[in-house]
Amino acid sequence: MHPHTDDTHIHTYTVTQACHALGALAFHSALNQVAITQKGDITAIVSALKQHPMHAGVQAQCCNALMNLVR
């Protein structure tokens, strides 16, 4: 396996998990929603959406995180 392929896989996995974590934090607490918003993490989530348009896992977790931030 090529090192670039491993790096890409690790990167997309990390982004997917980070968005999942933000979504879970937002789901469980209005205070977390405020903190995530104030820290600028919405920009990071939207950036991940744009950087990984063909990765279903990233897209799903980013959308879930955004949904939990506005509920």
N, C-alpha and C. Protein backbone atom coordinates (compact mmCIF):
# COMPACT_ATOMS: atom_id res chain seq x y z
N MET A 1 0.84 -1.17 0.00
CA MET A 1 0.00 0.00 0.00
C MET A 1 0.89 1.24 0.00
N HIS A 2 0.49 2.24 -0.73
CA HIS A 2 1.26 3.47 -0.83
C HIS A 2 1.08 4.33 0.41
N PRO A 3 2.15 4.99 0.87
CA PRO A 3 2.04 5.86 2.06
C PRO A 3 0.98 6.93 1.91
N HIS A 4 0.84 7.50 0.70
CA HIS A 4 -0.17 8.54 0.48
C HIS A 4 -1.58 8.01 0.75
N THR A 5 -1.83 6.78 0.31
CA THR A 5 -3.13 6.17 0.54
C THR A 5 -3.40 6.02 2.03
N ASP A 6 -2.40 5.59 2.79
CA ASP A 6 -2.56 5.47 4.24
C ASP A 6 -2.82 6.82 4.87
N ASP A 7 -2.07 7.85 4.44
CA ASP A 7 -2.25 9.19 4.99
C ASP A 7 -3.65 9.72 4.70
N THR A 8 -4.14 9.49 3.50
CA THR A 8 -5.47 9.96 3.12
C THR A 8 -6.52 9.24 3.95
N HIS A 9 -6.36 7.95 4.13
CA HIS A 9 -7.32 7.18 4.93
C HIS A 9 -7.32 7.67 6.38
N ILE A 10 -6.15 7.87 6.93
CA ILE A 10 -6.04 8.36 8.31
C ILE A 10 -6.68 9.73 8.44
N HIS A 11 -6.42 10.60 7.47
CA HIS A 11 -6.98 11.95 7.50
C HIS A 11 -8.51 11.92 7.45
N THR A 12 -9.08 11.18 6.51
CA THR A 12 -10.54 11.15 6.40
C THR A 12 -11.16 10.47 7.62
N TYR A 13 -10.50 9.46 8.15
CA TYR A 13 -11.00 8.81 9.37
C TYR A 13 -11.01 9.81 10.53
N THR A 14 -9.93 10.57 10.66
CA THR A 14 -9.83 11.56 11.74
C THR A 14 -10.89 12.64 11.60
N VAL A 15 -11.08 13.13 10.40
CA VAL A 15 -12.10 14.16 10.15
C VAL A 15 -13.49 13.60 10.47
N THR A 16 -13.75 12.39 10.03
CA THR A 16 -15.05 11.75 10.30
C THR A 16 -15.29 11.64 11.80
N GLN A 17 -14.30 11.18 12.53
CA GLN A 17 -14.45 11.01 13.97
C GLN A 17 -14.58 12.36 14.69
N ALA A 18 -13.85 13.36 14.24
CA ALA A 18 -13.93 14.69 14.86
C ALA A 18 -15.32 15.28 14.68
N CYS A 19 -15.88 15.15 13.49
CA CYS A 19 -17.23 15.67 13.25
C CYS A 19 -18.27 14.88 14.04
N HIS A 20 -18.05 13.58 14.15
CA HIS A 20 -18.94 12.76 14.96
C HIS A 20 -18.91 13.23 16.42
N ALA A 21 -17.72 13.49 16.94
CA ALA A 21 -17.59 13.95 18.32
C ALA A 21 -18.27 15.29 18.53
N LEU A 22 -18.08 16.23 17.61
CA LEU A 22 -18.74 17.52 17.72
C LEU A 22 -20.25 17.37 17.69
N GLY A 23 -20.73 16.51 16.82
CA GLY A 23 -22.17 16.27 16.75
C GLY A 23 -22.72 15.67 18.03
N ALA A 24 -22.00 14.73 18.60
CA ALA A 24 -22.44 14.11 19.86
C ALA A 24 -22.43 15.12 21.00
N LEU A 25 -21.39 15.92 21.06
CA LEU A 25 -21.34 16.96 22.10
C LEU A 25 -22.48 17.95 21.95
N ALA A 26 -22.76 18.35 20.73
CA ALA A 26 -23.84 19.30 20.48
C ALA A 26 -25.20 18.70 20.80
N PHE A 27 -25.36 17.43 20.52
CA PHE A 27 -26.64 16.76 20.77
C PHE A 27 -26.99 16.73 22.25
N HIS A 28 -25.98 16.55 23.08
CA HIS A 28 -26.21 16.33 24.50
C HIS A 28 -26.26 17.58 25.37
N SER A 29 -25.93 18.75 24.81
CA SER A 29 -25.84 19.91 25.67
C SER A 29 -25.95 21.22 24.89
N ALA A 30 -26.88 22.06 25.33
CA ALA A 30 -26.99 23.38 24.73
C ALA A 30 -25.73 24.22 25.02
N LEU A 31 -25.13 23.99 26.18
CA LEU A 31 -23.89 24.70 26.50
C LEU A 31 -22.77 24.29 25.53
N ASN A 32 -22.75 23.03 25.18
CA ASN A 32 -21.76 22.57 24.20
C ASN A 32 -22.03 23.19 22.83
N GLN A 33 -23.30 23.34 22.47
CA GLN A 33 -23.64 23.98 21.20
C GLN A 33 -23.06 25.38 21.15
N VAL A 34 -23.22 26.13 22.24
CA VAL A 34 -22.70 27.50 22.31
C VAL A 34 -21.17 27.48 22.22
N ALA A 35 -20.54 26.60 22.98
CA ALA A 35 -19.08 26.53 22.99
C ALA A 35 -18.54 26.18 21.60
N ILE A 36 -19.13 25.21 20.96
CA ILE A 36 -18.69 24.80 19.62
C ILE A 36 -18.82 25.96 18.65
N THR A 37 -19.93 26.66 18.74
CA THR A 37 -20.16 27.80 17.85
C THR A 37 -19.15 28.92 18.12
N GLN A 38 -18.93 29.22 19.38
CA GLN A 38 -18.00 30.31 19.73
C GLN A 38 -16.55 30.00 19.36
N LYS A 39 -16.20 28.75 19.36
CA LYS A 39 -14.82 28.35 19.03
C LYS A 39 -14.55 28.34 17.52
N GLY A 40 -15.60 28.56 16.72
CA GLY A 40 -15.43 28.58 15.28
C GLY A 40 -15.44 27.22 14.63
N ASP A 41 -15.95 26.23 15.34
CA ASP A 41 -15.93 24.88 14.79
C ASP A 41 -16.91 24.67 13.65
N ILE A 42 -17.90 25.55 13.52
CA ILE A 42 -18.81 25.44 12.37
C ILE A 42 -18.02 25.66 11.09
N THR A 43 -17.10 26.60 11.11
CA THR A 43 -16.25 26.84 9.95
C THR A 43 -15.43 25.60 9.61
N ALA A 44 -14.92 24.93 10.62
CA ALA A 44 -14.14 23.70 10.40
C ALA A 44 -15.01 22.60 9.82
N ILE A 45 -16.24 22.50 10.29
CA ILE A 45 -17.16 21.47 9.78
C ILE A 45 -17.47 21.74 8.31
N VAL A 46 -17.78 22.98 7.98
CA VAL A 46 -18.09 23.33 6.58
C VAL A 46 -16.85 23.12 5.71
N SER A 47 -15.69 23.42 6.22
CA SER A 47 -14.45 23.19 5.49
C SER A 47 -14.27 21.70 5.19
N ALA A 48 -14.56 20.86 6.17
CA ALA A 48 -14.46 19.41 5.96
C ALA A 48 -15.44 18.95 4.89
N LEU A 49 -16.64 19.51 4.89
CA LEU A 49 -17.61 19.18 3.84
C LEU A 49 -17.06 19.50 2.46
N LYS A 50 -16.44 20.67 2.35
CA LYS A 50 -15.91 21.11 1.06
C LYS A 50 -14.68 20.31 0.64
N GLN A 51 -13.84 19.92 1.60
CA GLN A 51 -12.60 19.21 1.29
C GLN A 51 -12.82 17.73 0.96
N HIS A 52 -13.96 17.19 1.38
CA HIS A 52 -14.23 15.75 1.19
C HIS A 52 -15.61 15.53 0.56
N PRO A 53 -15.85 16.12 -0.61
CA PRO A 53 -17.19 16.04 -1.20
C PRO A 53 -17.62 14.63 -1.62
N MET A 54 -16.68 13.75 -1.82
CA MET A 54 -17.00 12.40 -2.28
C MET A 54 -16.90 11.34 -1.19
N HIS A 55 -16.65 11.77 0.05
CA HIS A 55 -16.52 10.81 1.14
C HIS A 55 -17.81 10.80 1.95
N ALA A 56 -18.58 9.75 1.80
CA ALA A 56 -19.90 9.67 2.43
C ALA A 56 -19.84 9.76 3.95
N GLY A 57 -18.84 9.16 4.56
CA GLY A 57 -18.72 9.20 6.02
C GLY A 57 -18.49 10.60 6.54
N VAL A 58 -17.60 11.32 5.89
CA VAL A 58 -17.34 12.71 6.29
C VAL A 58 -18.60 13.54 6.08
N GLN A 59 -19.22 13.40 4.94
CA GLN A 59 -20.43 14.18 4.65
C GLN A 59 -21.53 13.90 5.68
N ALA A 60 -21.73 12.65 6.00
CA ALA A 60 -22.79 12.28 6.95
C ALA A 60 -22.50 12.84 8.35
N GLN A 61 -21.28 12.70 8.81
CA GLN A 61 -20.97 13.17 10.16
C GLN A 61 -20.97 14.70 10.25
N CYS A 62 -20.52 15.36 9.20
CA CYS A 62 -20.56 16.82 9.18
C CYS A 62 -22.00 17.32 9.20
N CYS A 63 -22.84 16.73 8.38
CA CYS A 63 -24.25 17.13 8.34
C CYS A 63 -24.93 16.85 9.68
N ASN A 64 -24.62 15.73 10.28
CA ASN A 64 -25.17 15.40 11.59
C ASN A 64 -24.74 16.42 12.64
N ALA A 65 -23.46 16.79 12.61
CA ALA A 65 -22.96 17.79 13.57
C ALA A 65 -23.68 19.12 13.38
N LEU A 66 -23.82 19.56 12.13
CA LEU A 66 -24.51 20.83 11.87
C LEU A 66 -25.97 20.75 12.30
N MET A 67 -26.61 19.63 12.04
CA MET A 67 -28.00 19.46 12.46
C MET A 67 -28.13 19.56 13.98
N ASN A 68 -27.22 18.93 14.70
CA ASN A 68 -27.28 18.97 16.16
C ASN A 68 -26.95 20.35 16.71
N LEU A 69 -26.22 21.14 15.97
CA LEU A 69 -25.90 22.49 16.43
C LEU A 69 -27.08 23.45 16.30
N VAL A 70 -28.01 23.14 15.42
CA VAL A 70 -29.13 24.07 15.21
C VAL A 70 -30.45 23.56 15.78
N ARG A 71 -30.43 22.46 16.44
CA ARG A 71 -31.69 21.92 16.97
C ARG A 71 -32.11 22.64 18.23
